Amino acid sequence: MIKQIKDNLNQINSLAQKNLKLRLRFKYRVIIFLISPIFSIIMPLIVMSHIFQFNESVGPWTKDNFVIFQILAYNI
C-alpha cells in the first residue's frame, strides 16, 4: 500500500517536472504570460490619464466621471 502511494507520488512529481520544463522551454511564452495582464491594467490608465489631463472639456477625474473613465479606458 505504501509502495503504491510512493509510486503514484513519484509519477505525479515526474509529470509536474516535465510540464514545467516544457513550459520553460520557450522563455518568451512565460514572459508574455506574466507581462500581458500588467499591460492590460496599465495601458488604459496611461492613455486615459493623458486624455483626462489635457482635455479641459472632459475635466479631471472625479467620483462622478470615474465610471465613465473606466468604461472608455477598457473599450479603447
PDB file of N, CA and C in Angstrom:
ATOM      1  N   MET A   1       0.820  -1.196   0.000  1.00  0.00           N
ATOM      2  CA  MET A   1       0.000   0.000   0.000  1.00  0.00           C
ATOM      3  C   MET A   1       0.866   1.263   0.000  1.00  0.00           C
ATOM      4  N   ILE A   2       1.854   1.315   0.885  1.00  0.00           N
ATOM      5  CA  ILE A   2       2.719   2.488   0.971  1.00  0.00           C
ATOM      6  C   ILE A   2       3.577   2.596  -0.291  1.00  0.00           C
ATOM      7  N   LYS A   3       3.996   1.443  -0.824  1.00  0.00           N
ATOM      8  CA  LYS A   3       4.780   1.443  -2.059  1.00  0.00           C
ATOM      9  C   LYS A   3       3.968   2.017  -3.216  1.00  0.00           C
ATOM     10  N   GLN A   4       2.686   1.723  -3.289  1.00  0.00           N
ATOM     11  CA  GLN A   4       1.824   2.253  -4.354  1.00  0.00           C
ATOM     12  C   GLN A   4       1.677   3.773  -4.230  1.00  0.00           C
ATOM     13  N   ILE A   5       1.532   4.241  -3.001  1.00  0.00           N
ATOM     14  CA  ILE A   5       1.418   5.691  -2.779  1.00  0.00           C
ATOM     15  C   ILE A   5       2.708   6.393  -3.196  1.00  0.00           C
ATOM     16  N   LYS A   6       3.868   5.806  -2.832  1.00  0.00           N
ATOM     17  CA  LYS A   6       5.142   6.396  -3.235  1.00  0.00           C
ATOM     18  C   LYS A   6       5.294   6.408  -4.752  1.00  0.00           C
ATOM     19  N   ASP A   7       4.886   5.318  -5.394  1.00  0.00           N
ATOM     20  CA  ASP A   7       4.965   5.263  -6.857  1.00  0.00           C
ATOM     21  C   ASP A   7       4.075   6.329  -7.495  1.00  0.00           C
ATOM     22  N   ASN A   8       2.874   6.475  -6.973  1.00  0.00           N
ATOM     23  CA  ASN A   8       1.962   7.500  -7.505  1.00  0.00           C
ATOM     24  C   ASN A   8       2.524   8.903  -7.311  1.00  0.00           C
ATOM     25  N   LEU A   9       3.085   9.182  -6.144  1.00  0.00           N
ATOM     26  CA  LEU A   9       3.681  10.493  -5.884  1.00  0.00           C
ATOM     27  C   LEU A   9       4.884  10.740  -6.788  1.00  0.00           C
ATOM     28  N   ASN A  10       5.679   9.704  -7.040  1.00  0.00           N
ATOM     29  CA  ASN A  10       6.819   9.853  -7.952  1.00  0.00           C
ATOM     30  C   ASN A  10       6.346  10.147  -9.374  1.00  0.00           C
ATOM     31  N   GLN A  11       5.285   9.494  -9.812  1.00  0.00           N
ATOM     32  CA  GLN A  11       4.745   9.749 -11.143  1.00  0.00           C
ATOM     33  C   GLN A  11       4.189  11.173 -11.241  1.00  0.00           C
ATOM     34  N   ILE A  12       3.490  11.617 -10.210  1.00  0.00           N
ATOM     35  CA  ILE A  12       2.953  12.981 -10.196  1.00  0.00           C
ATOM     36  C   ILE A  12       4.089  13.991 -10.245  1.00  0.00           C
ATOM     37  N   ASN A  13       5.121  13.745  -9.460  1.00  0.00           N
ATOM     38  CA  ASN A  13       6.280  14.632  -9.427  1.00  0.00           C
ATOM     39  C   ASN A  13       6.973  14.664 -10.793  1.00  0.00           C
ATOM     40  N   SER A  14       7.135  13.519 -11.417  1.00  0.00           N
ATOM     41  CA  SER A  14       7.770  13.453 -12.733  1.00  0.00           C
ATOM     42  C   SER A  14       6.960  14.210 -13.775  1.00  0.00           C
ATOM     43  N   LEU A  15       5.646  14.044 -13.763  1.00  0.00           N
ATOM     44  CA  LEU A  15       4.792  14.752 -14.713  1.00  0.00           C
ATOM     45  C   LEU A  15       4.830  16.258 -14.489  1.00  0.00           C
ATOM     46  N   ALA A  16       4.850  16.676 -13.233  1.00  0.00           N
ATOM     47  CA  ALA A  16       4.915  18.106 -12.931  1.00  0.00           C
ATOM     48  C   ALA A  16       6.244  18.700 -13.409  1.00  0.00           C
ATOM     49  N   GLN A  17       7.333  17.988 -13.194  1.00  0.00           N
ATOM     50  CA  GLN A  17       8.636  18.466 -13.657  1.00  0.00           C
ATOM     51  C   GLN A  17       8.686  18.532 -15.179  1.00  0.00           C
ATOM     52  N   LYS A  18       8.135  17.517 -15.840  1.00  0.00           N
ATOM     53  CA  LYS A  18       8.116  17.511 -17.307  1.00  0.00           C
ATOM     54  C   LYS A  18       7.305  18.686 -17.840  1.00  0.00           C
ATOM     55  N   ASN A  19       6.141  18.932 -17.242  1.00  0.00           N
ATOM     56  CA  ASN A  19       5.294  20.042 -17.672  1.00  0.00           C
ATOM     57  C   ASN A  19       6.005  21.379 -17.462  1.00  0.00           C
ATOM     58  N   LEU A  20       6.656  21.543 -16.338  1.00  0.00           N
ATOM     59  CA  LEU A  20       7.393  22.774 -16.054  1.00  0.00           C
ATOM     60  C   LEU A  20       8.532  22.979 -17.046  1.00  0.00           C
ATOM     61  N   LYS A  21       9.273  21.915 -17.352  1.00  0.00           N
ATOM     62  CA  LYS A  21      10.370  22.031 -18.318  1.00  0.00           C
ATOM     63  C   LYS A  21       9.847  22.361 -19.710  1.00  0.00           C
ATOM     64  N   LEU A  22       8.702  21.794 -20.088  1.00  0.00           N
ATOM     65  CA  LEU A  22       8.126  22.111 -21.393  1.00  0.00           C
ATOM     66  C   LEU A  22       7.672  23.566 -21.464  1.00  0.00           C
ATOM     67  N   ARG A  23       7.098  24.075 -20.385  1.00  0.00           N
ATOM     68  CA  ARG A  23       6.662  25.468 -20.367  1.00  0.00           C
ATOM     69  C   ARG A  23       7.848  26.431 -20.393  1.00  0.00           C
ATOM     70  N   LEU A  24       8.926  26.070 -19.748  1.00  0.00           N
ATOM     71  CA  LEU A  24      10.106  26.936 -19.704  1.00  0.00           C
ATOM     72  C   LEU A  24      11.019  26.745 -20.910  1.00  0.00           C
ATOM     73  N   ARG A  25      10.641  25.852 -21.798  1.00  0.00           N
ATOM     74  CA  ARG A  25      11.449  25.597 -22.985  1.00  0.00           C
ATOM     75  C   ARG A  25      11.551  26.843 -23.854  1.00  0.00           C
ATOM     76  N   PHE A  26      10.436  27.522 -24.038  1.00  0.00           N
ATOM     77  CA  PHE A  26      10.418  28.773 -24.783  1.00  0.00           C
ATOM     78  C   PHE A  26      10.124  29.890 -23.788  1.00  0.00           C
ATOM     79  N   LYS A  27      11.130  30.597 -23.403  1.00  0.00           N
ATOM     80  CA  LYS A  27      11.021  31.565 -22.316  1.00  0.00           C
ATOM     81  C   LYS A  27      10.138  32.757 -22.672  1.00  0.00           C
ATOM     82  N   TYR A  28      10.049  33.113 -23.952  1.00  0.00           N
ATOM     83  CA  TYR A  28       9.232  34.264 -24.316  1.00  0.00           C
ATOM     84  C   TYR A  28       7.754  34.021 -24.022  1.00  0.00           C
ATOM     85  N   ARG A  29       7.298  32.791 -24.098  1.00  0.00           N
ATOM     86  CA  ARG A  29       5.899  32.498 -23.756  1.00  0.00           C
ATOM     87  C   ARG A  29       5.630  32.755 -22.278  1.00  0.00           C
ATOM     88  N   VAL A  30       6.575  32.379 -21.439  1.00  0.00           N
ATOM     89  CA  VAL A  30       6.427  32.613 -19.998  1.00  0.00           C
ATOM     90  C   VAL A  30       6.436  34.105 -19.707  1.00  0.00           C
ATOM     91  N   ILE A  31       7.333  34.824 -20.364  1.00  0.00           N
ATOM     92  CA  ILE A  31       7.432  36.266 -20.146  1.00  0.00           C
ATOM     93  C   ILE A  31       6.157  36.960 -20.607  1.00  0.00           C
ATOM     94  N   ILE A  32       5.655  36.595 -21.773  1.00  0.00           N
ATOM     95  CA  ILE A  32       4.418  37.189 -22.277  1.00  0.00           C
ATOM     96  C   ILE A  32       3.251  36.833 -21.368  1.00  0.00           C
ATOM     97  N   PHE A  33       3.224  35.605 -20.874  1.00  0.00           N
ATOM     98  CA  PHE A  33       2.167  35.176 -19.966  1.00  0.00           C
ATOM     99  C   PHE A  33       2.158  36.016 -18.692  1.00  0.00           C
ATOM    100  N   LEU A  34       3.335  36.407 -18.214  1.00  0.00           N
ATOM    101  CA  LEU A  34       3.428  37.197 -16.991  1.00  0.00           C
ATOM    102  C   LEU A  34       3.191  38.690 -17.232  1.00  0.00           C
ATOM    103  N   ILE A  35       3.581  39.193 -18.399  1.00  0.00           N
ATOM    104  CA  ILE A  35       3.507  40.627 -18.665  1.00  0.00           C
ATOM    105  C   ILE A  35       2.152  41.068 -19.206  1.00  0.00           C
ATOM    106  N   SER A  36       1.467  40.231 -19.957  1.00  0.00           N
ATOM    107  CA  SER A  36       0.214  40.658 -20.597  1.00  0.00           C
ATOM    108  C   SER A  36      -0.856  41.143 -19.615  1.00  0.00           C
ATOM    109  N   PRO A  37      -1.050  40.538 -18.452  1.00  0.00           N
ATOM    110  CA  PRO A  37      -2.026  41.122 -17.522  1.00  0.00           C
ATOM    111  C   PRO A  37      -1.620  42.497 -17.017  1.00  0.00           C
ATOM    112  N   ILE A  38      -0.325  42.717 -16.871  1.00  0.00           N
ATOM    113  CA  ILE A  38       0.151  44.020 -16.415  1.00  0.00           C
ATOM    114  C   ILE A  38      -0.160  45.087 -17.462  1.00  0.00           C
ATOM    115  N   PHE A  39       0.074  44.757 -18.744  1.00  0.00           N
ATOM    116  CA  PHE A  39      -0.240  45.703 -19.817  1.00  0.00           C
ATOM    117  C   PHE A  39      -1.722  46.008 -19.873  1.00  0.00           C
ATOM    118  N   SER A  40      -2.555  44.995 -19.672  1.00  0.00           N
ATOM    119  CA  SER A  40      -3.999  45.231 -19.754  1.00  0.00           C
ATOM    120  C   SER A  40      -4.495  46.125 -18.623  1.00  0.00           C
ATOM    121  N   ILE A  41      -3.762  46.221 -17.544  1.00  0.00           N
ATOM    122  CA  ILE A  41      -4.145  47.104 -16.442  1.00  0.00           C
ATOM    123  C   ILE A  41      -3.537  48.497 -16.625  1.00  0.00           C
ATOM    124  N   ILE A  42      -2.273  48.561 -17.016  1.00  0.00           N
ATOM    125  CA  ILE A  42      -1.551  49.826 -17.057  1.00  0.00           C
ATOM    126  C   ILE A  42      -1.877  50.670 -18.289  1.00  0.00           C
ATOM    127  N   MET A  43      -2.013  50.062 -19.449  1.00  0.00           N
ATOM    128  CA  MET A  43      -2.197  50.834 -20.677  1.00  0.00           C
ATOM    129  C   MET A  43      -3.460  51.708 -20.667  1.00  0.00           C
ATOM    130  N   PRO A  44      -4.616  51.218 -20.263  1.00  0.00           N
ATOM    131  CA  PRO A  44      -5.773  52.125 -20.206  1.00  0.00           C
ATOM    132  C   PRO A  44      -5.555  53.288 -19.241  1.00  0.00           C
ATOM    133  N   LEU A  45      -4.861  53.037 -18.142  1.00  0.00           N
ATOM    134  CA  LEU A  45      -4.586  54.117 -17.197  1.00  0.00           C
ATOM    135  C   LEU A  45      -3.697  55.181 -17.826  1.00  0.00           C
ATOM    136  N   ILE A  46      -2.693  54.759 -18.569  1.00  0.00           N
ATOM    137  CA  ILE A  46      -1.795  55.723 -19.211  1.00  0.00           C
ATOM    138  C   ILE A  46      -2.537  56.523 -20.270  1.00  0.00           C
ATOM    139  N   VAL A  47      -3.263  55.839 -21.138  1.00  0.00           N
ATOM    140  CA  VAL A  47      -3.967  56.516 -22.229  1.00  0.00           C
ATOM    141  C   VAL A  47      -5.016  57.472 -21.680  1.00  0.00           C
ATOM    142  N   MET A  48      -5.843  56.990 -20.787  1.00  0.00           N
ATOM    143  CA  MET A  48      -6.940  57.813 -20.298  1.00  0.00           C
ATOM    144  C   MET A  48      -6.468  58.924 -19.372  1.00  0.00           C
ATOM    145  N   SER A  49      -5.357  58.723 -18.686  1.00  0.00           N
ATOM    146  CA  SER A  49      -4.864  59.821 -17.840  1.00  0.00           C
ATOM    147  C   SER A  49      -4.426  60.987 -18.702  1.00  0.00           C
ATOM    148  N   HIS A  50      -3.877  60.722 -19.871  1.00  0.00           N
ATOM    149  CA  HIS A  50      -3.491  61.812 -20.769  1.00  0.00           C
ATOM    150  C   HIS A  50      -4.720  62.488 -21.355  1.00  0.00           C
ATOM    151  N   ILE A  51      -5.744  61.739 -21.702  1.00  0.00           N
ATOM    152  CA  ILE A  51      -6.962  62.336 -22.250  1.00  0.00           C
ATOM    153  C   ILE A  51      -7.644  63.204 -21.192  1.00  0.00           C
ATOM    154  N   PHE A  52      -7.763  62.704 -19.986  1.00  0.00           N
ATOM    155  CA  PHE A  52      -8.431  63.462 -18.932  1.00  0.00           C
ATOM    156  C   PHE A  52      -7.592  64.647 -18.488  1.00  0.00           C
ATOM    157  N   GLN A  53      -6.274  64.538 -18.579  1.00  0.00           N
ATOM    158  CA  GLN A  53      -5.408  65.622 -18.122  1.00  0.00           C
ATOM    159  C   GLN A  53      -5.357  66.769 -19.126  1.00  0.00           C
ATOM    160  N   PHE A  54      -5.285  66.464 -20.412  1.00  0.00           N
ATOM    161  CA  PHE A  54      -5.082  67.500 -21.416  1.00  0.00           C
ATOM    162  C   PHE A  54      -6.377  68.028 -22.034  1.00  0.00           C
ATOM    163  N   ASN A  55      -7.461  67.332 -21.894  1.00  0.00           N
ATOM    164  CA  ASN A  55      -8.718  67.763 -22.484  1.00  0.00           C
ATOM    165  C   ASN A  55      -9.549  68.455 -21.405  1.00  0.00           C
ATOM    166  N   GLU A  56      -9.665  69.760 -21.492  1.00  0.00           N
ATOM    167  CA  GLU A  56     -10.366  70.509 -20.445  1.00  0.00           C
ATOM    168  C   GLU A  56     -11.869  70.301 -20.495  1.00  0.00           C
ATOM    169  N   SER A  57     -12.420  69.917 -21.643  1.00  0.00           N
ATOM    170  CA  SER A  57     -13.864  69.694 -21.707  1.00  0.00           C
ATOM    171  C   SER A  57     -14.267  68.441 -20.928  1.00  0.00           C
ATOM    172  N   VAL A  58     -13.342  67.478 -20.829  1.00  0.00           N
ATOM    173  CA  VAL A  58     -13.628  66.271 -20.044  1.00  0.00           C
ATOM    174  C   VAL A  58     -13.400  66.551 -18.569  1.00  0.00           C
ATOM    175  N   GLY A  59     -12.332  67.260 -18.256  1.00  0.00           N
ATOM    176  CA  GLY A  59     -12.048  67.619 -16.876  1.00  0.00           C
ATOM    177  C   GLY A  59     -11.269  66.559 -16.133  1.00  0.00           C
ATOM    178  N   PRO A  60     -10.931  66.820 -14.893  1.00  0.00           N
ATOM    179  CA  PRO A  60     -10.165  65.848 -14.102  1.00  0.00           C
ATOM    180  C   PRO A  60     -11.063  64.697 -13.623  1.00  0.00           C
ATOM    181  N   TRP A  61     -10.431  63.675 -13.109  1.00  0.00           N
ATOM    182  CA  TRP A  61     -11.178  62.556 -12.555  1.00  0.00           C
ATOM    183  C   TRP A  61     -11.900  63.012 -11.300  1.00  0.00           C
ATOM    184  N   THR A  62     -13.150  62.665 -11.234  1.00  0.00           N
ATOM    185  CA  THR A  62     -13.924  62.890 -10.012  1.00  0.00           C
ATOM    186  C   THR A  62     -14.719  61.633  -9.739  1.00  0.00           C
ATOM    187  N   LYS A  63     -15.392  61.613  -8.608  1.00  0.00           N
ATOM    188  CA  LYS A  63     -16.209  60.430  -8.317  1.00  0.00           C
ATOM    189  C   LYS A  63     -17.389  60.330  -9.281  1.00  0.00           C
ATOM    190  N   ASP A  64     -17.764  61.438  -9.923  1.00  0.00           N
ATOM    191  CA  ASP A  64     -18.886  61.420 -10.864  1.00  0.00           C
ATOM    192  C   ASP A  64     -18.494  60.850 -12.227  1.00  0.00           C
ATOM    193  N   ASN A  65     -17.266  61.102 -12.688  1.00  0.00           N
ATOM    194  CA  ASN A  65     -16.898  60.650 -14.023  1.00  0.00           C
ATOM    195  C   ASN A  65     -15.920  59.478 -14.030  1.00  0.00           C
ATOM    196  N   PHE A  66     -15.627  58.900 -12.884  1.00  0.00           N
ATOM    197  CA  PHE A  66     -14.663  57.801 -12.859  1.00  0.00           C
ATOM    198  C   PHE A  66     -15.216  56.546 -13.526  1.00  0.00           C
ATOM    199  N   VAL A  67     -16.498  56.285 -13.404  1.00  0.00           N
ATOM    200  CA  VAL A  67     -17.103  55.119 -14.056  1.00  0.00           C
ATOM    201  C   VAL A  67     -17.030  55.285 -15.571  1.00  0.00           C
ATOM    202  N   ILE A  68     -17.279  56.485 -16.059  1.00  0.00           N
ATOM    203  CA  ILE A  68     -17.159  56.754 -17.494  1.00  0.00           C
ATOM    204  C   ILE A  68     -15.716  56.557 -17.931  1.00  0.00           C
ATOM    205  N   PHE A  69     -14.778  57.000 -17.112  1.00  0.00           N
ATOM    206  CA  PHE A  69     -13.365  56.793 -17.402  1.00  0.00           C
ATOM    207  C   PHE A  69     -13.060  55.311 -17.563  1.00  0.00           C
ATOM    208  N   GLN A  70     -13.534  54.494 -16.658  1.00  0.00           N
ATOM    209  CA  GLN A  70     -13.248  53.053 -16.726  1.00  0.00           C
ATOM    210  C   GLN A  70     -13.864  52.424 -17.978  1.00  0.00           C
ATOM    211  N   ILE A  71     -15.079  52.794 -18.310  1.00  0.00           N
ATOM    212  CA  ILE A  71     -15.733  52.232 -19.498  1.00  0.00           C
ATOM    213  C   ILE A  71     -14.957  52.622 -20.752  1.00  0.00           C
ATOM    214  N   LEU A  72     -14.592  53.898 -20.859  1.00  0.00           N
ATOM    215  CA  LEU A  72     -13.831  54.350 -22.028  1.00  0.00           C
ATOM    216  C   LEU A  72     -12.443  53.697 -22.095  1.00  0.00           C
ATOM    217  N   ALA A  73     -11.796  53.576 -20.960  1.00  0.00           N
ATOM    218  CA  ALA A  73     -10.441  53.019 -20.935  1.00  0.00           C
ATOM    219  C   ALA A  73     -10.431  51.581 -21.420  1.00  0.00           C
ATOM    220  N   TYR A  74     -11.366  50.788 -21.000  1.00  0.00           N
ATOM    221  CA  TYR A  74     -11.349  49.383 -21.381  1.00  0.00           C
ATOM    222  C   TYR A  74     -11.962  49.141 -22.751  1.00  0.00           C
ATOM    223  N   ASN A  75     -12.698  50.089 -23.289  1.00  0.00           N
ATOM    224  CA  ASN A  75     -13.185  49.953 -24.661  1.00  0.00           C
ATOM    225  C   ASN A  75     -12.170  50.424 -25.682  1.00  0.00           C
ATOM    226  N   ILE A  76     -11.316  51.357 -25.291  1.00  0.00           N
ATOM    227  CA  ILE A  76     -10.249  51.819 -26.203  1.00  0.00           C
ATOM    228  C   ILE A  76      -9.190  50.761 -26.272  1.00  0.00           C
TER     229      ILE A  76
END
